Amino acid sequence: GAPPPPPPPPMATDAAESSVGTGGCASVSYEPERAGPLFHASQIQVPPMLESVVKEFTKAAIREQPAADELYEWALRFFEAKAAQGKSKA
């Protein structure tokens, strides 16, 4: 088989350095603005809320089956409705 991939690059240890390029999210280990390959999924930390948002979006898309050529418009309406619901709860 193929040789194993090289180990991931070392993560920044300086708190100021680790938040560079992450929009202030120092806890995010993968910094898309920095050059470098991604070796393993464990290098990415998904914010907990993002997982539930993606899951809810995916379930709605499967349930409603939007046409492929209308997917972006459907997604826009989906997220606009969710944003409106969030504002009404505030």
C-alpha atoms as a PDB file:
ATOM      1  CA  GLY A   1       0.000   0.000   0.000  1.00  0.00           C
ATOM      2  CA  ALA A   2       0.856   3.641   0.016  1.00  0.00           C
ATOM      3  CA  PRO A   3       3.145   5.014   2.719  1.00  0.00           C
ATOM      4  CA  PRO A   4       1.378   6.805   5.569  1.00  0.00           C
ATOM      5  CA  PRO A   5       0.944  10.573   5.214  1.00  0.00           C
ATOM      6  CA  PRO A   6       3.475  12.818   6.936  1.00  0.00           C
ATOM      7  CA  PRO A   7       2.585  14.026  10.430  1.00  0.00           C
ATOM      8  CA  PRO A   8       0.575  17.239  10.718  1.00  0.00           C
ATOM      9  CA  PRO A   9       2.500  20.500  11.076  1.00  0.00           C
ATOM     10  CA  PRO A  10       3.010  21.691  14.643  1.00  0.00           C
ATOM     11  CA  MET A  11       0.298  23.931  16.018  1.00  0.00           C
ATOM     12  CA  ALA A  12       1.077  27.412  17.269  1.00  0.00           C
ATOM     13  CA  THR A  13       1.843  27.524  20.962  1.00  0.00           C
ATOM     14  CA  ASP A  14       1.684  31.281  21.432  1.00  0.00           C
ATOM     15  CA  ALA A  15      -1.929  32.369  22.075  1.00  0.00           C
ATOM     16  CA  ALA A  16      -1.508  35.514  19.981  1.00  0.00           C
ATOM     17  CA  GLU A  17      -0.015  33.531  17.126  1.00  0.00           C
ATOM     18  CA  SER A  18      -2.729  30.858  17.260  1.00  0.00           C
ATOM     19  CA  SER A  19      -5.524  33.386  16.720  1.00  0.00           C
ATOM     20  CA  VAL A  20      -3.927  34.931  13.634  1.00  0.00           C
ATOM     21  CA  GLY A  21      -6.069  34.389  10.569  1.00  0.00           C
ATOM     22  CA  THR A  22      -8.926  32.684  12.391  1.00  0.00           C
ATOM     23  CA  GLY A  23     -11.178  35.665  12.857  1.00  0.00           C
ATOM     24  CA  GLY A  24     -10.384  35.659  16.556  1.00  0.00           C
ATOM     25  CA  CYS A  25     -11.186  31.967  17.094  1.00  0.00           C
ATOM     26  CA  ALA A  26      -8.051  30.934  18.914  1.00  0.00           C
ATOM     27  CA  SER A  27      -9.522  27.487  19.622  1.00  0.00           C
ATOM     28  CA  VAL A  28      -9.736  26.612  15.911  1.00  0.00           C
ATOM     29  CA  SER A  29      -6.729  24.487  15.020  1.00  0.00           C
ATOM     30  CA  TYR A  30      -6.933  24.819  11.227  1.00  0.00           C
ATOM     31  CA  GLU A  31      -6.291  28.266   9.819  1.00  0.00           C
ATOM     32  CA  PRO A  32      -7.459  28.452   6.192  1.00  0.00           C
ATOM     33  CA  GLU A  33      -5.592  31.717   5.582  1.00  0.00           C
ATOM     34  CA  ARG A  34      -2.262  30.036   6.347  1.00  0.00           C
ATOM     35  CA  ALA A  35      -0.646  27.946   3.657  1.00  0.00           C
ATOM     36  CA  GLY A  36      -0.166  24.294   4.389  1.00  0.00           C
ATOM     37  CA  PRO A  37      -1.747  20.964   3.672  1.00  0.00           C
ATOM     38  CA  LEU A  38      -4.482  19.383   5.711  1.00  0.00           C
ATOM     39  CA  PHE A  39      -3.401  15.899   6.733  1.00  0.00           C
ATOM     40  CA  HIS A  40      -6.198  14.678   8.964  1.00  0.00           C
ATOM     41  CA  ALA A  41      -9.768  15.600   9.882  1.00  0.00           C
ATOM     42  CA  SER A  42      -8.690  15.936  13.520  1.00  0.00           C
ATOM     43  CA  GLN A  43      -6.900  19.152  12.512  1.00  0.00           C
ATOM     44  CA  ILE A  44     -10.283  20.852  12.085  1.00  0.00           C
ATOM     45  CA  GLN A  45     -12.446  21.679  15.064  1.00  0.00           C
ATOM     46  CA  VAL A  46     -16.057  22.250  14.024  1.00  0.00           C
ATOM     47  CA  PRO A  47     -17.923  24.694  16.266  1.00  0.00           C
ATOM     48  CA  PRO A  48     -20.751  22.776  18.031  1.00  0.00           C
ATOM     49  CA  MET A  49     -23.508  25.001  16.656  1.00  0.00           C
ATOM     50  CA  LEU A  50     -22.332  24.517  13.059  1.00  0.00           C
ATOM     51  CA  GLU A  51     -22.931  20.783  13.304  1.00  0.00           C
ATOM     52  CA  SER A  52     -26.573  21.258  14.325  1.00  0.00           C
ATOM     53  CA  VAL A  53     -27.135  23.916  11.634  1.00  0.00           C
ATOM     54  CA  VAL A  54     -25.728  21.674   8.905  1.00  0.00           C
ATOM     55  CA  LYS A  55     -27.736  18.700  10.180  1.00  0.00           C
ATOM     56  CA  GLU A  56     -30.982  20.700  10.206  1.00  0.00           C
ATOM     57  CA  PHE A  57     -30.262  22.102   6.724  1.00  0.00           C
ATOM     58  CA  THR A  58     -29.454  18.637   5.367  1.00  0.00           C
ATOM     59  CA  LYS A  59     -32.617  17.084   6.811  1.00  0.00           C
ATOM     60  CA  ALA A  60     -34.749  19.868   5.317  1.00  0.00           C
ATOM     61  CA  ALA A  61     -33.068  19.459   1.913  1.00  0.00           C
ATOM     62  CA  ILE A  62     -33.673  15.696   1.952  1.00  0.00           C
ATOM     63  CA  ARG A  63     -37.269  16.191   3.056  1.00  0.00           C
ATOM     64  CA  GLU A  64     -38.099  18.924   0.514  1.00  0.00           C
ATOM     65  CA  GLN A  65     -35.911  17.714  -2.391  1.00  0.00           C
ATOM     66  CA  PRO A  66     -35.219  21.100  -4.042  1.00  0.00           C
ATOM     67  CA  ALA A  67     -34.370  20.917  -7.750  1.00  0.00           C
ATOM     68  CA  ALA A  68     -30.630  21.026  -8.440  1.00  0.00           C
ATOM     69  CA  ASP A  69     -30.911  24.237 -10.448  1.00  0.00           C
ATOM     70  CA  GLU A  70     -32.812  25.889  -7.573  1.00  0.00           C
ATOM     71  CA  LEU A  71     -30.671  24.638  -4.686  1.00  0.00           C
ATOM     72  CA  TYR A  72     -28.964  27.968  -3.953  1.00  0.00           C
ATOM     73  CA  GLU A  73     -32.240  29.880  -4.001  1.00  0.00           C
ATOM     74  CA  TRP A  74     -33.841  27.228  -1.788  1.00  0.00           C
ATOM     75  CA  ALA A  75     -30.892  27.407   0.632  1.00  0.00           C
ATOM     76  CA  LEU A  76     -31.163  31.198   0.725  1.00  0.00           C
ATOM     77  CA  ARG A  77     -34.858  30.996   1.633  1.00  0.00           C
ATOM     78  CA  PHE A  78     -34.103  28.319   4.241  1.00  0.00           C
ATOM     79  CA  PHE A  79     -31.451  30.419   6.002  1.00  0.00           C
ATOM     80  CA  GLU A  80     -33.446  33.649   5.706  1.00  0.00           C
ATOM     81  CA  ALA A  81     -36.365  31.900   7.442  1.00  0.00           C
ATOM     82  CA  LYS A  82     -34.022  30.580  10.160  1.00  0.00           C
ATOM     83  CA  ALA A  83     -32.522  34.059  10.635  1.00  0.00           C
ATOM     84  CA  ALA A  84     -36.017  35.549  10.964  1.00  0.00           C
ATOM     85  CA  GLN A  85     -36.922  32.885  13.551  1.00  0.00           C
ATOM     86  CA  GLY A  86     -33.767  33.720  15.504  1.00  0.00           C
ATOM     87  CA  LYS A  87     -34.590  37.428  15.516  1.00  0.00           C
ATOM     88  CA  SER A  88     -38.146  36.807  16.705  1.00  0.00           C
ATOM     89  CA  LYS A  89     -36.814  34.774  19.668  1.00  0.00           C
ATOM     90  CA  ALA A  90     -34.480  37.590  20.744  1.00  0.00           C
END
